[in-house]
Amino acid sequence: MTLKKDKAKVLDEVWTEERIRGFLEIEPPAGIDPDFHTLLRAYQQMRADDFAAFIDMFVAAGRDINARNNHGESLLDIVSSHRLGEEFAVTLKTAGAA
């Protein structure tokens, strides 16, 4: 018997402003910095252009662009080590990440 996939992979899905803004409401697991968790989730799920729009909203909301995980790493630290993270790193630096 063969199993059929439930869902097809979605490419080039539309990220509306409302959907991007919804990431500001993500709740972190206990013990995780809320701002870091939100940034990481956005980075993991968004394309670079959508991430840039999100970062504008994130900063405008007064959130901490330099938030750190439990290992003392910022999202910029993590993104800078990724092969395809350069565009995301530039977005973070432009928004004030250090």
N, C-alpha and C. Protein backbone atom coordinates (compact mmCIF):
# COMPACT_ATOMS: atom_id res chain seq x y z
N MET A 1 0.84 -1.16 0.00
CA MET A 1 0.00 0.00 0.00
C MET A 1 0.90 1.24 0.00
N THR A 2 0.58 2.21 -0.81
CA THR A 2 1.33 3.47 -0.84
C THR A 2 0.53 4.56 -0.16
N LEU A 3 1.25 5.45 0.46
CA LEU A 3 0.60 6.56 1.13
C LEU A 3 0.69 7.82 0.28
N LYS A 4 -0.35 8.57 0.29
CA LYS A 4 -0.40 9.81 -0.46
C LYS A 4 -0.12 10.99 0.47
N LYS A 5 0.65 11.96 0.00
CA LYS A 5 0.92 13.15 0.80
C LYS A 5 -0.38 13.91 1.05
N ASP A 6 -0.51 14.44 2.27
CA ASP A 6 -1.70 15.24 2.61
C ASP A 6 -1.69 16.58 1.90
N LYS A 7 -0.51 17.19 1.87
CA LYS A 7 -0.42 18.56 1.39
C LYS A 7 0.68 18.69 0.36
N ALA A 8 0.40 19.44 -0.65
CA ALA A 8 1.40 19.72 -1.67
C ALA A 8 2.29 20.87 -1.18
N LYS A 9 3.53 20.85 -1.59
CA LYS A 9 4.45 21.93 -1.23
C LYS A 9 3.98 23.22 -1.92
N VAL A 10 3.93 24.30 -1.14
CA VAL A 10 3.47 25.57 -1.67
C VAL A 10 4.67 26.45 -1.97
N LEU A 11 4.76 26.91 -3.20
CA LEU A 11 5.84 27.80 -3.60
C LEU A 11 5.27 29.17 -3.94
N ASP A 12 6.04 30.18 -3.69
CA ASP A 12 5.64 31.56 -4.00
C ASP A 12 4.30 31.95 -3.38
N GLU A 13 4.07 31.50 -2.15
CA GLU A 13 2.82 31.89 -1.51
C GLU A 13 2.85 33.38 -1.19
N VAL A 14 1.69 33.96 -1.09
CA VAL A 14 1.56 35.38 -0.86
C VAL A 14 1.63 35.68 0.64
N TRP A 15 2.49 36.62 0.99
CA TRP A 15 2.59 37.07 2.37
C TRP A 15 1.97 38.46 2.43
N THR A 16 0.76 38.53 2.93
CA THR A 16 0.08 39.82 3.06
C THR A 16 0.66 40.56 4.26
N GLU A 17 0.40 41.86 4.30
CA GLU A 17 0.85 42.67 5.44
C GLU A 17 0.26 42.12 6.74
N GLU A 18 -0.99 41.71 6.70
CA GLU A 18 -1.66 41.16 7.88
C GLU A 18 -0.97 39.87 8.36
N ARG A 19 -0.61 39.02 7.44
CA ARG A 19 0.06 37.78 7.80
C ARG A 19 1.44 38.06 8.40
N ILE A 20 2.18 38.98 7.80
CA ILE A 20 3.49 39.35 8.32
C ILE A 20 3.35 39.94 9.71
N ARG A 21 2.41 40.85 9.88
CA ARG A 21 2.18 41.50 11.17
C ARG A 21 1.79 40.48 12.24
N GLY A 22 1.13 39.41 11.84
CA GLY A 22 0.74 38.37 12.78
C GLY A 22 1.91 37.74 13.52
N PHE A 23 3.10 37.81 12.95
CA PHE A 23 4.27 37.25 13.61
C PHE A 23 4.63 38.02 14.87
N LEU A 24 4.17 39.27 14.98
CA LEU A 24 4.44 40.05 16.19
C LEU A 24 3.70 39.48 17.39
N GLU A 25 2.73 38.62 17.15
CA GLU A 25 1.91 38.07 18.23
C GLU A 25 2.32 36.65 18.63
N ILE A 26 3.38 36.13 18.05
CA ILE A 26 3.81 34.76 18.35
C ILE A 26 4.25 34.68 19.82
N GLU A 27 3.76 33.67 20.49
CA GLU A 27 4.11 33.44 21.89
C GLU A 27 5.27 32.44 21.97
N PRO A 28 6.30 32.75 22.75
CA PRO A 28 7.44 31.84 22.86
C PRO A 28 7.19 30.74 23.89
N PRO A 29 7.97 29.67 23.80
CA PRO A 29 7.92 28.67 24.88
C PRO A 29 8.46 29.31 26.16
N ALA A 30 8.14 28.74 27.29
CA ALA A 30 8.61 29.25 28.58
C ALA A 30 10.13 29.33 28.60
N GLY A 31 10.64 30.42 29.11
CA GLY A 31 12.09 30.58 29.27
C GLY A 31 12.82 31.11 28.05
N ILE A 32 12.10 31.41 26.98
CA ILE A 32 12.72 31.93 25.75
C ILE A 32 12.36 33.40 25.61
N ASP A 33 13.35 34.22 25.29
CA ASP A 33 13.10 35.65 25.08
C ASP A 33 12.07 35.82 23.96
N PRO A 34 10.98 36.51 24.24
CA PRO A 34 9.91 36.66 23.24
C PRO A 34 10.38 37.33 21.95
N ASP A 35 11.22 38.35 22.06
CA ASP A 35 11.68 39.05 20.87
C ASP A 35 12.60 38.16 20.03
N PHE A 36 13.49 37.43 20.70
CA PHE A 36 14.37 36.52 19.95
C PHE A 36 13.54 35.45 19.25
N HIS A 37 12.60 34.87 19.95
CA HIS A 37 11.77 33.80 19.39
C HIS A 37 11.00 34.30 18.16
N THR A 38 10.44 35.50 18.28
CA THR A 38 9.69 36.08 17.16
C THR A 38 10.59 36.31 15.96
N LEU A 39 11.78 36.88 16.19
CA LEU A 39 12.73 37.11 15.10
C LEU A 39 13.13 35.80 14.43
N LEU A 40 13.44 34.80 15.23
CA LEU A 40 13.87 33.51 14.69
C LEU A 40 12.78 32.87 13.85
N ARG A 41 11.56 32.85 14.35
CA ARG A 41 10.45 32.27 13.60
C ARG A 41 10.23 32.98 12.28
N ALA A 42 10.31 34.31 12.30
CA ALA A 42 10.14 35.08 11.06
C ALA A 42 11.25 34.74 10.07
N TYR A 43 12.48 34.67 10.54
CA TYR A 43 13.61 34.32 9.68
C TYR A 43 13.43 32.93 9.07
N GLN A 44 12.99 31.99 9.87
CA GLN A 44 12.84 30.62 9.40
C GLN A 44 11.72 30.45 8.38
N GLN A 45 10.72 31.31 8.42
CA GLN A 45 9.54 31.10 7.59
C GLN A 45 9.34 32.08 6.45
N MET A 46 10.04 33.21 6.50
CA MET A 46 9.80 34.25 5.49
C MET A 46 10.91 34.32 4.45
N ARG A 47 10.53 34.81 3.28
CA ARG A 47 11.51 35.15 2.26
C ARG A 47 12.14 36.47 2.66
N ALA A 48 13.26 36.81 2.04
CA ALA A 48 14.03 38.00 2.43
C ALA A 48 13.20 39.28 2.35
N ASP A 49 12.42 39.46 1.30
CA ASP A 49 11.62 40.69 1.16
C ASP A 49 10.53 40.78 2.24
N ASP A 50 9.91 39.66 2.53
CA ASP A 50 8.88 39.63 3.56
C ASP A 50 9.50 39.86 4.93
N PHE A 51 10.68 39.29 5.14
CA PHE A 51 11.41 39.47 6.39
C PHE A 51 11.75 40.95 6.59
N ALA A 52 12.16 41.63 5.54
CA ALA A 52 12.48 43.07 5.62
C ALA A 52 11.25 43.87 6.04
N ALA A 53 10.10 43.54 5.48
CA ALA A 53 8.85 44.23 5.86
C ALA A 53 8.53 43.93 7.32
N PHE A 54 8.74 42.70 7.74
CA PHE A 54 8.49 42.32 9.13
C PHE A 54 9.41 43.09 10.07
N ILE A 55 10.67 43.21 9.74
CA ILE A 55 11.62 43.89 10.60
C ILE A 55 11.21 45.36 10.78
N ASP A 56 10.72 45.99 9.73
CA ASP A 56 10.22 47.36 9.87
C ASP A 56 9.10 47.42 10.91
N MET A 57 8.18 46.47 10.86
CA MET A 57 7.07 46.42 11.81
C MET A 57 7.57 46.12 13.22
N PHE A 58 8.52 45.21 13.31
CA PHE A 58 9.09 44.77 14.58
C PHE A 58 9.74 45.96 15.30
N VAL A 59 10.57 46.70 14.59
CA VAL A 59 11.25 47.85 15.16
C VAL A 59 10.25 48.96 15.51
N ALA A 60 9.28 49.20 14.63
CA ALA A 60 8.26 50.22 14.89
C ALA A 60 7.44 49.90 16.14
N ALA A 61 7.33 48.61 16.45
CA ALA A 61 6.58 48.19 17.64
C ALA A 61 7.43 48.30 18.92
N GLY A 62 8.68 48.75 18.76
CA GLY A 62 9.55 48.93 19.93
C GLY A 62 10.17 47.64 20.44
N ARG A 63 10.23 46.64 19.59
CA ARG A 63 10.79 45.35 19.98
C ARG A 63 12.31 45.38 19.88
N ASP A 64 13.00 44.43 20.52
CA ASP A 64 14.46 44.40 20.64
C ASP A 64 15.09 43.61 19.51
N ILE A 65 15.69 44.32 18.54
CA ILE A 65 16.34 43.70 17.39
C ILE A 65 17.59 42.93 17.80
N ASN A 66 18.12 43.22 19.00
CA ASN A 66 19.33 42.55 19.49
C ASN A 66 19.03 41.51 20.57
N ALA A 67 17.79 41.07 20.65
CA ALA A 67 17.41 40.05 21.63
C ALA A 67 18.27 38.80 21.43
N ARG A 68 18.51 38.08 22.51
CA ARG A 68 19.41 36.92 22.46
C ARG A 68 18.71 35.65 22.96
N ASN A 69 19.22 34.53 22.45
CA ASN A 69 18.69 33.24 22.90
C ASN A 69 19.38 32.84 24.20
N ASN A 70 19.10 31.67 24.69
CA ASN A 70 19.66 31.21 25.97
C ASN A 70 21.16 30.91 25.89
N HIS A 71 21.73 30.94 24.69
CA HIS A 71 23.16 30.74 24.49
C HIS A 71 23.89 32.06 24.27
N GLY A 72 23.16 33.17 24.40
CA GLY A 72 23.75 34.49 24.23
C GLY A 72 23.91 34.93 22.79
N GLU A 73 23.26 34.22 21.86
CA GLU A 73 23.37 34.56 20.44
C GLU A 73 22.20 35.43 20.01
N SER A 74 22.49 36.45 19.19
CA SER A 74 21.43 37.24 18.58
C SER A 74 21.06 36.58 17.25
N LEU A 75 19.95 37.02 16.66
CA LEU A 75 19.59 36.48 15.35
C LEU A 75 20.67 36.84 14.34
N LEU A 76 21.26 38.03 14.45
CA LEU A 76 22.32 38.42 13.53
C LEU A 76 23.50 37.45 13.62
N ASP A 77 23.86 37.03 14.82
CA ASP A 77 24.94 36.04 15.00
C ASP A 77 24.61 34.76 14.23
N ILE A 78 23.39 34.30 14.37
CA ILE A 78 22.99 33.03 13.74
C ILE A 78 22.92 33.17 12.22
N VAL A 79 22.26 34.22 11.75
CA VAL A 79 22.08 34.43 10.32
C VAL A 79 23.43 34.62 9.62
N SER A 80 24.35 35.29 10.28
CA SER A 80 25.66 35.56 9.67
C SER A 80 26.45 34.28 9.40
N SER A 81 26.10 33.21 10.07
CA SER A 81 26.81 31.94 9.85
C SER A 81 26.14 31.07 8.79
N HIS A 82 25.00 31.50 8.27
CA HIS A 82 24.28 30.72 7.26
C HIS A 82 24.71 31.11 5.85
N ARG A 83 24.87 30.13 5.02
CA ARG A 83 25.32 30.33 3.65
C ARG A 83 24.43 31.29 2.87
N LEU A 84 23.14 31.22 3.08
CA LEU A 84 22.20 32.08 2.35
C LEU A 84 21.61 33.19 3.23
N GLY A 85 22.30 33.52 4.30
CA GLY A 85 21.78 34.49 5.25
C GLY A 85 22.19 35.93 5.03
N GLU A 86 23.01 36.19 4.02
CA GLU A 86 23.56 37.54 3.83
C GLU A 86 22.49 38.62 3.70
N GLU A 87 21.49 38.39 2.88
CA GLU A 87 20.44 39.39 2.67
C GLU A 87 19.67 39.66 3.97
N PHE A 88 19.45 38.61 4.75
CA PHE A 88 18.78 38.76 6.04
C PHE A 88 19.67 39.54 7.01
N ALA A 89 20.97 39.26 7.01
CA ALA A 89 21.91 39.96 7.87
C ALA A 89 21.94 41.45 7.54
N VAL A 90 21.93 41.78 6.28
CA VAL A 90 21.91 43.19 5.87
C VAL A 90 20.65 43.87 6.39
N THR A 91 19.52 43.21 6.28
CA THR A 91 18.26 43.76 6.79
C THR A 91 18.35 44.03 8.29
N LEU A 92 18.89 43.07 9.02
CA LEU A 92 19.02 43.22 10.47
C LEU A 92 19.97 44.37 10.82
N LYS A 93 21.11 44.45 10.13
CA LYS A 93 22.07 45.53 10.40
C LYS A 93 21.48 46.89 10.09
N THR A 94 20.75 46.98 8.99
CA THR A 94 20.11 48.24 8.60
C THR A 94 19.12 48.70 9.66
N ALA A 95 18.50 47.73 10.34
CA ALA A 95 17.51 48.05 11.38
C ALA A 95 18.16 48.30 12.74
N GLY A 96 19.50 48.20 12.80
CA GLY A 96 20.19 48.52 14.05
C GLY A 96 20.76 47.34 14.80
N ALA A 97 20.69 46.14 14.24
CA ALA A 97 21.27 44.98 14.91
C ALA A 97 22.78 45.10 14.93
N ALA A 98 23.35 44.69 16.03
CA ALA A 98 24.81 44.75 16.18
C ALA A 98 25.35 43.41 16.64
